């Protein structure tokens, strides 16, 4: 596993931990229809924190586990800043580091 892949895995764990600590992690999975939204961030069917938990994180974990090519660009932080404001600095920090790693290669 490359350093970049290892670092991404660590950042995904950090993001989940931050979400759990803020009680943003839920046990109930959204309906299959809600997860099939074609809108960016499933904005029409999910809250942003649900999108992170049920779409963003699983997708990146799948790419890591299947040794698939990682995205060359990621820009989730602006949406997160809009959604969370200043209420979730740890989540924002984790997402910024993920964006930087995937887009620029370094954190």
C-alpha atoms as a PDB file:
ATOM      1  CA  UNK A   1       0.000   0.000   0.000  1.00  0.00           C
ATOM      2  CA  UNK A   2       1.413   3.382  -0.968  1.00  0.00           C
ATOM      3  CA  UNK A   3       1.900   6.153   1.560  1.00  0.00           C
ATOM      4  CA  UNK A   4      -0.882   8.138  -0.118  1.00  0.00           C
ATOM      5  CA  UNK A   5      -3.356   5.256   0.198  1.00  0.00           C
ATOM      6  CA  UNK A   6      -2.340   4.609   3.799  1.00  0.00           C
ATOM      7  CA  UNK A   7      -2.723   8.308   4.625  1.00  0.00           C
ATOM      8  CA  UNK A   8      -6.168   8.412   3.008  1.00  0.00           C
ATOM      9  CA  UNK A   9      -7.288   5.405   5.051  1.00  0.00           C
ATOM     10  CA  UNK A  10      -6.123   7.144   8.205  1.00  0.00           C
ATOM     11  CA  UNK A  11      -7.934  10.358   7.249  1.00  0.00           C
ATOM     12  CA  UNK A  12     -11.166   8.446   6.605  1.00  0.00           C
ATOM     13  CA  UNK A  13     -10.939   6.937  10.076  1.00  0.00           C
ATOM     14  CA  UNK A  14     -10.315  10.419  11.523  1.00  0.00           C
ATOM     15  CA  UNK A  15     -13.384  11.760   9.715  1.00  0.00           C
ATOM     16  CA  UNK A  16     -15.589   8.968  11.038  1.00  0.00           C
ATOM     17  CA  UNK A  17     -14.292   9.521  14.576  1.00  0.00           C
ATOM     18  CA  UNK A  18     -14.996  13.254  14.337  1.00  0.00           C
ATOM     19  CA  UNK A  19     -18.514  12.593  13.073  1.00  0.00           C
ATOM     20  CA  UNK A  20     -19.157  10.096  15.856  1.00  0.00           C
ATOM     21  CA  UNK A  21     -17.848  12.474  18.515  1.00  0.00           C
ATOM     22  CA  UNK A  22     -20.330  15.132  17.316  1.00  0.00           C
ATOM     23  CA  UNK A  23     -23.137  12.558  17.221  1.00  0.00           C
ATOM     24  CA  UNK A  24     -23.469  12.982  13.453  1.00  0.00           C
ATOM     25  CA  UNK A  25     -23.161   9.222  12.916  1.00  0.00           C
ATOM     26  CA  UNK A  26     -26.485   7.450  12.589  1.00  0.00           C
ATOM     27  CA  UNK A  27     -27.356   3.772  12.652  1.00  0.00           C
ATOM     28  CA  UNK A  28     -30.314   3.826  10.278  1.00  0.00           C
ATOM     29  CA  UNK A  29     -29.312   3.547   6.632  1.00  0.00           C
ATOM     30  CA  UNK A  30     -31.230   5.788   4.226  1.00  0.00           C
ATOM     31  CA  UNK A  31     -33.511   4.113   1.697  1.00  0.00           C
ATOM     32  CA  UNK A  32     -31.943   2.751  -1.499  1.00  0.00           C
ATOM     33  CA  UNK A  33     -33.869   5.411  -3.418  1.00  0.00           C
ATOM     34  CA  UNK A  34     -32.324   8.196  -1.330  1.00  0.00           C
ATOM     35  CA  UNK A  35     -28.853   6.830  -2.016  1.00  0.00           C
ATOM     36  CA  UNK A  36     -29.480   6.729  -5.769  1.00  0.00           C
ATOM     37  CA  UNK A  37     -29.942  10.484  -6.112  1.00  0.00           C
ATOM     38  CA  UNK A  38     -28.291  12.019  -9.166  1.00  0.00           C
ATOM     39  CA  UNK A  39     -27.904  15.425  -7.496  1.00  0.00           C
ATOM     40  CA  UNK A  40     -24.504  16.516  -6.135  1.00  0.00           C
ATOM     41  CA  UNK A  41     -24.102  15.356  -2.536  1.00  0.00           C
ATOM     42  CA  UNK A  42     -27.575  13.746  -2.813  1.00  0.00           C
ATOM     43  CA  UNK A  43     -28.777  17.172  -1.731  1.00  0.00           C
ATOM     44  CA  UNK A  44     -32.361  16.349  -2.659  1.00  0.00           C
ATOM     45  CA  UNK A  45     -32.564  13.184  -0.545  1.00  0.00           C
ATOM     46  CA  UNK A  46     -29.934  13.316   2.233  1.00  0.00           C
ATOM     47  CA  UNK A  47     -28.462  15.747   4.720  1.00  0.00           C
ATOM     48  CA  UNK A  48     -24.803  16.465   4.018  1.00  0.00           C
ATOM     49  CA  UNK A  49     -23.648  14.486   7.064  1.00  0.00           C
ATOM     50  CA  UNK A  50     -25.688  11.514   5.812  1.00  0.00           C
ATOM     51  CA  UNK A  51     -24.017  11.848   2.412  1.00  0.00           C
ATOM     52  CA  UNK A  52     -20.617  11.774   4.090  1.00  0.00           C
ATOM     53  CA  UNK A  53     -21.506   8.649   6.070  1.00  0.00           C
ATOM     54  CA  UNK A  54     -23.376   6.674   3.447  1.00  0.00           C
ATOM     55  CA  UNK A  55     -21.844   7.784   0.129  1.00  0.00           C
ATOM     56  CA  UNK A  56     -18.503   9.578   0.506  1.00  0.00           C
ATOM     57  CA  UNK A  57     -16.845   7.363   3.104  1.00  0.00           C
ATOM     58  CA  UNK A  58     -18.023   4.019   1.653  1.00  0.00           C
ATOM     59  CA  UNK A  59     -16.953   5.055  -1.845  1.00  0.00           C
ATOM     60  CA  UNK A  60     -13.445   5.977  -0.759  1.00  0.00           C
ATOM     61  CA  UNK A  61     -13.148   2.870   1.438  1.00  0.00           C
ATOM     62  CA  UNK A  62     -14.201   0.741  -1.543  1.00  0.00           C
ATOM     63  CA  UNK A  63     -11.564   2.375  -3.763  1.00  0.00           C
ATOM     64  CA  UNK A  64      -8.902   1.680  -1.145  1.00  0.00           C
ATOM     65  CA  UNK A  65      -9.977  -1.902  -0.492  1.00  0.00           C
ATOM     66  CA  UNK A  66     -10.240  -2.786  -4.179  1.00  0.00           C
ATOM     67  CA  UNK A  67      -6.914  -1.095  -4.968  1.00  0.00           C
ATOM     68  CA  UNK A  68      -8.746   1.024  -7.542  1.00  0.00           C
ATOM     69  CA  UNK A  69      -7.516   4.330  -8.834  1.00  0.00           C
ATOM     70  CA  UNK A  70      -8.202   7.199  -6.464  1.00  0.00           C
ATOM     71  CA  UNK A  71      -9.836  10.427  -7.644  1.00  0.00           C
ATOM     72  CA  UNK A  72      -7.387  13.044  -8.854  1.00  0.00           C
ATOM     73  CA  UNK A  73      -9.542  15.868  -7.564  1.00  0.00           C
ATOM     74  CA  UNK A  74     -11.682  16.285  -4.494  1.00  0.00           C
ATOM     75  CA  UNK A  75     -13.406  19.422  -3.272  1.00  0.00           C
ATOM     76  CA  UNK A  76     -15.812  18.505  -0.516  1.00  0.00           C
ATOM     77  CA  UNK A  77     -14.677  21.119   2.006  1.00  0.00           C
ATOM     78  CA  UNK A  78     -16.574  24.111   0.516  1.00  0.00           C
ATOM     79  CA  UNK A  79     -19.877  22.244   0.803  1.00  0.00           C
ATOM     80  CA  UNK A  80     -18.962  21.131   4.324  1.00  0.00           C
ATOM     81  CA  UNK A  81     -18.170  24.721   5.325  1.00  0.00           C
ATOM     82  CA  UNK A  82     -21.532  25.827   3.961  1.00  0.00           C
ATOM     83  CA  UNK A  83     -23.378  23.036   5.777  1.00  0.00           C
ATOM     84  CA  UNK A  84     -21.564  22.988   9.133  1.00  0.00           C
ATOM     85  CA  UNK A  85     -20.401  26.584   9.464  1.00  0.00           C
ATOM     86  CA  UNK A  86     -18.196  26.666  12.557  1.00  0.00           C
ATOM     87  CA  UNK A  87     -19.991  23.845  14.404  1.00  0.00           C
ATOM     88  CA  UNK A  88     -17.735  20.985  13.280  1.00  0.00           C
ATOM     89  CA  UNK A  89     -14.091  22.126  13.060  1.00  0.00           C
ATOM     90  CA  UNK A  90     -12.721  18.584  13.323  1.00  0.00           C
ATOM     91  CA  UNK A  91     -14.911  17.373  10.448  1.00  0.00           C
ATOM     92  CA  UNK A  92     -13.869  20.375   8.350  1.00  0.00           C
ATOM     93  CA  UNK A  93     -10.195  19.773   9.127  1.00  0.00           C
ATOM     94  CA  UNK A  94     -10.458  16.089   8.161  1.00  0.00           C
ATOM     95  CA  UNK A  95     -12.246  16.917   4.908  1.00  0.00           C
ATOM     96  CA  UNK A  96      -9.726  19.621   4.029  1.00  0.00           C
ATOM     97  CA  UNK A  97      -6.878  17.148   4.507  1.00  0.00           C
ATOM     98  CA  UNK A  98      -8.691  14.578   2.324  1.00  0.00           C
ATOM     99  CA  UNK A  99      -9.268  17.210  -0.379  1.00  0.00           C
ATOM    100  CA  UNK A 100      -5.621  18.254  -0.268  1.00  0.00           C
ATOM    101  CA  UNK A 101      -4.329  14.690  -0.344  1.00  0.00           C
ATOM    102  CA  UNK A 102      -6.465  13.649  -3.315  1.00  0.00           C
ATOM    103  CA  UNK A 103      -6.037  16.880  -5.274  1.00  0.00           C
ATOM    104  CA  UNK A 104      -2.483  17.808  -4.428  1.00  0.00           C
ATOM    105  CA  UNK A 105      -0.969  14.569  -3.234  1.00  0.00           C
ATOM    106  CA  UNK A 106       0.198  15.900   0.135  1.00  0.00           C
ATOM    107  CA  UNK A 107      -1.456  16.802   3.410  1.00  0.00           C
END
